[in-house]
Amino acid sequence: MLQKLSPQQIQLMKLLQVPTASLEQRIKEELEENPALEEGNSDLDFEEDGFSEPQEMGDSEYEEDRKDDDDLHMDDYLEKESYDYRTDGEDYAGDDEPRTLPIAVGKSFHDTLYEQLSLLDLDEMEYIIADQIVGSIDDDGYIRRDIDAVVDDLAFSRGVMVTEEQVESVLRQVQKFDPAGVGARDLQECLLIQLRRKEDPKPYTALAIRVLEDHFDAFTKKHYDKLMKQLGVDEATLKEVVDEILKLNPKPGGSSAGTSALHQVVIPDFTLVNNNGKLEVLLNGKNAPDLRVSESFKDMIKDYNKSKVKDKKQKEALLFIKQKIDSAKWFIDAIKQRQHTLLVTMNAIVNYQKEYFLSGDETRMRPMILKDIAEITQLDISTISRVANSKYIQTEFGTFLLKYFFSESLQTDSGEEVSTREVKKILEDLIAAEDKAKPLSDEQLTEALKERSYNIARRTVAKYREQLNIPVARLRKEL
């Protein structure tokens, strides 16, 4: 026995993974591929009846079909059922607003670099080198290609033979571009470029340059005692120097107005509304157009049924029409099923985490795994996973990816099960409140959690700290 997925099931799984931001594009692709599918509402009344899967017709079936012209009557396709898909209704938000996607408009980071490149006074050879260098700069502003690699790129891709000294010379010109630090090969060079370009250097700028040039390793590891001894300065002076360096931008490309990373717009798939303690989930329907089966395709079927002469070409054309109508019905049904699955899943999550959604307090979040929601909704765990990993919900506390609300359970000394997210939140609060001159070690954090009845091993605390992107105590130290 073989277990196979039907085309509809495969299509539904793919649609479930598509976020609202991409759904409109997916629907447009289907509209372009299938002429039987069109946008718009039908004025006809209809009842939502199911429809059967179209069966592919083999050669023997076709030969038998030719014997009886009446076998291809398409009564099922001439019913008033219009298979509309509409986004309006009480579970959809903002349908009276125009269905538009926000689009970031502006120059890209590399556009600004090429504009500055055109202002340089370069000969033809230098311009080619500069163009290659600018094209090799990453989005964060760094050039991670070695000089000899750039020389090889110019030789193989442009047929230009240059020396490493020529590339170095042009690179120094590119490093004068804005924002300051662009074109650096590593963090040390990036920070030094910014310090040396300061128009009004402060009293500690020269000392900061010395720290980056001669003691960069000690600075990055925060060996402040060692730095004070090597520089012959007191703690107050070193603090001024460190503050001067910390004000610099470690990712100059990220400060560009056109950087794509800064313009990634998250469009929530759901909106959660709190009506005096009653939580209501609304599905974002703005980017999904209303769909229906084309009336002109139905008219073709009517014309065929009225026709007295039914030859082979007409039947082949009718089979094509039937396949396109079935495909349109499948797609409309898959969209309906997608919206239904999303709402059922989100409502189950909201009901399960009701205490959190009412208060916004992370410590009130219950342990929840995919299996819990799958059992409530009677859906497969893989379906819940597809929804949770690609959908966002907008709440009064912010916009979150659904998987944010899933966490493992942890047992306290009293036997109560709590969410690991609750523990992470307390861990975050402990680190935020610590004395930065003497930050808490993982061992001290473990003891602090045990005092609050969270019996957790030190290695688990270290794991949670890393998941929160919090460095070790030594790197959290401040003067």
Foldseek 3Di string as FASTA:
>chain_A
DDDDDDPLRVVLLVQLLDELLCNLVVVVVLVVVFVQKDFDDDPFDDDDDDDDFDDDDDPVNVVVCVVDVVVPQPVVLQDSPWLKFDQDDPQAPDQVDAQDDDDDDDDALLRQLVVVLVVDDDDPLLSVLLVLLSVQFDLLQERQDDLVRSQVCCCPVVVDHDDSVSSVVSLVVSCVGPPHQHHHNAQLSSLLRVLVPDPDHDPCSVVLNVCSVPPVVCVQLVVVVVVCVVVVHDPVSVQVSNVVSVVGDSRRSVPDPNRVVVVDDDDAQWEWDQDPLDIGIHGHPSSPGMMTGDVVLSVLSVVQVPDPDDDPVSVVVNVVSVVSSSVNSSVSVSVVVSVVLLVLLVVLLCVQQVVCLVPVDQQSQAAADLVVSCVVSVHDSVSSVSNQQRHWYQGPNGIDRNCVSHFHWAQFPVRDTGGVSNVLVVLVVQQVPADLQQGDALVRSCVVVVVVRRNDDSVVSVVSCVVVVHDGSSSSHHD
